Protein backbone atom coordinates (compact mmCIF):
# COMPACT_ATOMS: atom_id res chain seq x y z
CA UNK A 1 73.99 31.99 111.56
CA UNK A 2 76.74 29.54 110.76
CA UNK A 3 78.59 28.17 113.78
CA UNK A 4 82.14 29.37 114.40
CA UNK A 5 84.65 26.97 112.87
CA UNK A 6 88.14 26.24 114.07
CA UNK A 7 90.54 26.34 111.15
CA UNK A 8 93.59 24.30 112.01
CA UNK A 9 96.16 24.71 109.26
CA UNK A 10 99.79 24.19 110.15
CA UNK A 11 101.72 27.35 109.29
CA UNK A 12 105.31 28.40 108.76
CA UNK A 13 106.60 31.96 108.56
CA UNK A 14 104.30 34.90 107.81
CA UNK A 15 106.38 36.09 104.83
CA UNK A 16 108.01 34.17 101.98
CA UNK A 17 111.64 33.24 102.41
CA UNK A 18 114.28 35.04 100.37
CA UNK A 19 115.34 31.74 98.79
CA UNK A 20 111.75 30.62 98.15
CA UNK A 21 111.30 28.34 95.16
CA UNK A 22 109.85 29.90 92.00
CA UNK A 23 106.48 28.36 91.15
CA UNK A 24 104.96 30.53 88.39
CA UNK A 25 106.75 32.38 85.57
CA UNK A 26 104.95 34.35 82.85
CA UNK A 27 106.89 36.01 80.02
CA UNK A 28 105.06 38.19 77.49
CA UNK A 29 101.93 36.09 78.08
CA UNK A 30 99.00 37.08 75.84
CA UNK A 31 95.48 36.01 74.95
CA UNK A 32 94.09 37.75 71.85
CA UNK A 33 90.96 36.89 69.87
CA UNK A 34 88.56 38.51 67.43
CA UNK A 35 84.96 39.32 68.27
CA UNK A 36 82.64 40.90 65.68
CA UNK A 37 85.70 41.85 63.66
CA UNK A 38 87.39 43.60 66.58
CA UNK A 39 90.68 42.39 68.08
CA UNK A 40 90.23 41.78 71.81
CA UNK A 41 93.40 41.75 73.90
CA UNK A 42 92.08 39.94 76.98
CA UNK A 43 95.63 39.43 78.30
CA UNK A 44 98.37 41.51 76.71
CA UNK A 45 102.07 40.68 77.19
CA UNK A 46 102.06 40.29 80.97
CA UNK A 47 105.21 39.40 82.91
CA UNK A 48 105.66 38.20 86.49
CA UNK A 49 107.40 35.66 88.71
CA UNK A 50 105.71 34.18 91.80
CA UNK A 51 107.34 32.07 94.48
CA UNK A 52 106.21 29.60 97.13
CA UNK A 53 104.73 31.29 100.18
CA UNK A 54 103.31 34.24 98.27
CA UNK A 55 99.70 35.36 98.58
CA UNK A 56 98.87 37.18 95.34
CA UNK A 57 95.78 39.20 94.48
CA UNK A 58 94.78 40.22 90.95
CA UNK A 59 92.33 43.12 90.83
CA UNK A 60 90.79 45.21 88.09
CA UNK A 61 87.45 46.33 86.64
CA UNK A 62 85.05 43.88 85.04
CA UNK A 63 86.33 42.81 81.64
CA UNK A 64 89.91 43.76 82.47
CA UNK A 65 91.21 40.23 81.80
CA UNK A 66 91.91 39.11 85.36
CA UNK A 67 89.81 35.92 85.24
CA UNK A 68 91.15 35.06 81.79
CA UNK A 69 94.67 35.37 83.19
CA UNK A 70 93.80 33.08 86.09
CA UNK A 71 92.34 30.44 83.77
CA UNK A 72 95.47 30.57 81.61
CA UNK A 73 97.63 29.99 84.70
CA UNK A 74 95.55 26.90 85.48
CA UNK A 75 95.55 25.61 81.89
CA UNK A 76 91.78 26.10 81.64
CA UNK A 77 92.33 28.51 78.77
CA UNK A 78 95.03 28.68 76.10
CA UNK A 79 97.23 31.76 75.59
CA UNK A 80 97.88 32.84 72.03
CA UNK A 81 101.53 33.74 72.65
CA UNK A 82 104.20 34.09 75.28
CA UNK A 83 105.67 31.64 77.77
CA UNK A 84 104.34 30.14 80.98
CA UNK A 85 105.80 27.67 83.44
CA UNK A 86 104.00 26.47 86.55
CA UNK A 87 105.88 24.34 89.05
CA UNK A 88 108.55 23.70 86.42
CA UNK A 89 106.06 22.58 83.75
CA UNK A 90 106.04 24.32 80.35
CA UNK A 91 102.28 24.89 80.18
CA UNK A 92 102.37 26.07 76.56
CA UNK A 93 103.56 22.64 75.42
CA UNK A 94 100.65 20.75 77.00
CA UNK A 95 97.66 19.31 75.20
CA UNK A 96 94.97 16.69 75.78
CA UNK A 97 95.82 14.19 78.56
CA UNK A 98 98.93 16.20 79.46
CA UNK A 99 96.79 19.20 80.39
CA UNK A 100 94.51 17.07 82.60
CA UNK A 101 97.49 15.52 84.37
CA UNK A 102 99.08 18.93 84.88
CA UNK A 103 95.94 20.36 86.49
CA UNK A 104 95.42 17.37 88.78
CA UNK A 105 99.01 17.35 90.03
CA UNK A 106 100.04 21.00 90.12
CA UNK A 107 97.06 23.29 90.59
CA UNK A 108 94.11 23.51 92.97
CA UNK A 109 91.03 25.54 91.93
CA UNK A 110 88.57 27.45 94.11
CA UNK A 111 85.59 29.14 92.41
CA UNK A 112 83.00 31.70 93.47
CA UNK A 113 80.16 29.23 92.89
CA UNK A 114 81.98 26.35 94.66
CA UNK A 115 81.41 23.83 91.82
CA UNK A 116 80.85 20.95 94.23
CA UNK A 117 79.23 17.81 92.82
CA UNK A 118 75.69 17.98 94.26
CA UNK A 119 75.05 14.23 94.60
CA UNK A 120 78.34 13.57 96.44
CA UNK A 121 78.95 14.12 100.13
CA UNK A 122 81.52 16.62 101.38
CA UNK A 123 83.93 13.73 101.96
CA UNK A 124 83.33 12.28 98.49
CA UNK A 125 83.83 15.70 96.86
CA UNK A 126 87.27 15.97 98.45
CA UNK A 127 88.14 12.39 97.49
CA UNK A 128 87.22 12.96 93.83
CA UNK A 129 90.52 14.57 92.66
CA UNK A 130 92.48 11.75 94.32
CA UNK A 131 90.34 9.14 92.61
CA UNK A 132 90.93 10.79 89.23
CA UNK A 133 94.69 10.82 89.79
CA UNK A 134 94.91 7.30 91.23
CA UNK A 135 97.84 5.77 93.06
CA UNK A 136 96.18 5.54 96.49
CA UNK A 137 93.93 2.98 98.13
CA UNK A 138 90.38 4.02 98.96
CA UNK A 139 90.98 3.97 102.72
CA UNK A 140 94.01 6.26 102.32
CA UNK A 141 92.00 8.67 100.17
CA UNK A 142 89.15 8.68 102.64
CA UNK A 143 91.47 9.40 105.57
CA UNK A 144 93.22 12.24 103.71
CA UNK A 145 89.84 13.77 102.76
CA UNK A 146 88.70 13.51 106.37
CA UNK A 147 91.90 15.18 107.60
CA UNK A 148 91.62 18.01 105.07
CA UNK A 149 87.98 18.70 105.96
CA UNK A 150 88.88 18.91 109.64
CA UNK A 151 91.80 21.22 108.84
CA UNK A 152 89.58 23.68 106.97
CA UNK A 153 87.05 23.73 109.79
CA UNK A 154 84.37 21.23 108.67
CA UNK A 155 83.27 19.19 111.68
CA UNK A 156 83.10 15.42 111.22
CA UNK A 157 79.33 15.38 111.67
CA UNK A 158 79.05 17.25 108.34
CA UNK A 159 81.42 15.08 106.30
CA UNK A 160 78.53 12.96 105.00
CA UNK A 161 76.34 15.93 104.17
CA UNK A 162 75.74 16.75 100.52
CA UNK A 163 76.27 20.37 99.38
CA UNK A 164 72.55 21.13 99.61
CA UNK A 165 72.75 20.74 103.39
CA UNK A 166 75.78 22.98 103.80
CA UNK A 167 75.94 26.76 104.21
CA UNK A 168 77.81 28.94 101.73
CA UNK A 169 80.84 29.24 104.00
CA UNK A 170 80.91 25.49 104.56
CA UNK A 171 80.67 24.82 100.82
CA UNK A 172 83.62 27.09 100.15
CA UNK A 173 85.73 25.39 102.82
CA UNK A 174 84.88 22.00 101.30
CA UNK A 175 85.93 23.42 97.91
CA UNK A 176 89.25 24.53 99.41
CA UNK A 177 89.78 21.09 100.96
CA UNK A 178 89.10 19.58 97.53
CA UNK A 179 91.64 21.96 95.97
CA UNK A 180 94.24 20.65 98.43
CA UNK A 181 93.47 16.97 97.81
CA UNK A 182 96.47 16.24 95.56
CA UNK A 183 98.76 18.62 97.49
CA UNK A 184 99.29 21.18 94.69
CA UNK A 185 101.92 23.88 95.05
CA UNK A 186 99.68 26.50 93.41
CA UNK A 187 96.14 27.44 94.47
CA UNK A 188 94.03 29.55 92.07
CA UNK A 189 90.90 31.21 93.43
CA UNK A 190 88.37 33.15 91.35
CA UNK A 191 86.28 35.52 93.52
CA UNK A 192 86.27 33.01 96.42
CA UNK A 193 84.31 35.34 98.74
CA UNK A 194 81.88 36.64 96.11
CA UNK A 195 78.90 34.56 97.32
CA UNK A 196 79.64 34.85 101.04
CA UNK A 197 78.68 37.30 103.76
CA UNK A 198 81.44 39.39 105.32
CA UNK A 199 81.97 37.06 108.30
CA UNK A 200 82.38 33.94 106.20
CA UNK A 201 84.37 35.91 103.65
CA UNK A 202 86.89 36.82 106.35
CA UNK A 203 87.22 33.17 107.38
CA UNK A 204 87.98 32.18 103.77
CA UNK A 205 90.55 35.00 103.45
CA UNK A 206 92.25 33.84 106.65
CA UNK A 207 92.30 30.26 105.40
CA UNK A 208 93.79 31.17 102.02
CA UNK A 209 96.41 33.31 103.71
CA UNK A 210 97.36 30.42 105.98
CA UNK A 211 97.73 28.14 102.97
CA UNK A 212 100.29 30.57 101.57
CA UNK A 213 102.25 30.52 104.82
CA UNK A 214 102.50 26.74 104.39
CA UNK A 215 104.63 27.35 101.32
CA UNK A 216 102.02 27.28 98.58
CA UNK A 217 101.53 30.04 96.03
CA UNK A 218 97.97 31.34 96.38
CA UNK A 219 96.68 33.54 93.54
CA UNK A 220 93.29 35.18 94.01
CA UNK A 221 91.20 37.15 91.50
CA UNK A 222 88.97 39.44 93.53
CA UNK A 223 87.07 42.72 93.83
CA UNK A 224 87.45 42.48 97.61
CA UNK A 225 89.95 45.06 98.87
CA UNK A 226 90.12 43.35 102.26
CA UNK A 227 91.82 40.39 100.51
CA UNK A 228 94.28 42.68 98.73
CA UNK A 229 95.27 44.27 102.06
CA UNK A 230 96.72 40.98 103.35
CA UNK A 231 98.46 39.98 100.09
CA UNK A 232 102.24 39.79 99.64
CA UNK A 233 101.84 40.76 95.98
CA UNK A 234 99.09 43.01 94.59
CA UNK A 235 98.51 43.18 90.84
CA UNK A 236 96.24 45.70 89.13
CA UNK A 237 95.19 44.80 85.60
CA UNK A 238 93.26 46.87 83.04
CA UNK A 239 92.51 46.18 79.38
CA UNK A 240 94.61 43.03 79.57
CA UNK A 241 97.75 44.83 80.75
CA UNK A 242 99.30 44.88 84.21
CA UNK A 243 99.19 48.50 85.30
CA UNK A 244 100.83 48.15 88.70
CA UNK A 245 102.44 45.49 90.85
CA UNK A 246 102.92 46.03 94.58
CA UNK A 247 104.48 43.98 97.35
CA UNK A 248 107.28 41.42 97.28
CA UNK A 249 107.87 40.83 93.58
CA UNK A 250 110.45 38.37 92.28
CA UNK A 251 112.88 39.36 89.50
CA UNK A 252 111.63 39.90 85.94
CA UNK A 253 111.13 36.55 84.20
CA UNK A 254 113.51 35.34 81.55
CA UNK A 255 112.37 33.46 78.42
CA UNK A 256 111.82 29.76 78.96
CA UNK A 257 114.58 27.64 77.47
CA UNK A 258 112.98 25.45 74.86
CA UNK A 259 113.94 21.78 74.79
CA UNK A 260 114.97 20.34 71.45
CA UNK A 261 112.55 17.72 70.22
CA UNK A 262 113.92 14.34 69.28
CA UNK A 263 113.18 13.19 65.79
């Protein structure tokens, strides 16, 4: 059994503030494509506004479009129409290097299968996003990675362990520390408890919830109803459409004002 970990994340209030800053705006966001001659509407004209401090869950049956929606929010997939801004950035206008820069600076990813680099230590995995972004000395990056690992409950004696020597719960906490490396305002998690037992799953839920109370927007795709129970906002999606939204929902998004391009 994995040893009990102390998760020391500084928190603020338990609920988002009324004047919380808007972080994510989707307006008529869609992802359509053809497969074997059939039009697939993976995401179909969805609308929402999320703010800092919100813990959001997206639920729905397999194939409902929830993971596609999450990847669009993180600029890992391209929508076919609609408007999307994340942390003030018009995501639809991004391409190439601009997309990479956006992801490194604005979004942290947590995946079901962890996606840690197997030949790097826990510390080196957390340092990697900072190295890709640049702007810090190696000692500063190392100290920040060490601090983040301690905050998510990874004892210092495991910082030099490679993923193969870590348990599933430890790997996921390292992945969360890595997601926090560049201090993003939005955390996207795709089935983060899917490969964990119930005890470790609860620890990860608690950790993600605490990250939201820090002022981040945490958006989780999940089949786990225990995660949905602690969310501020609960979205149900089916056949690419949002069927219901529950919890503290911000006002309906307005179209993004397009900037005129200079000739």
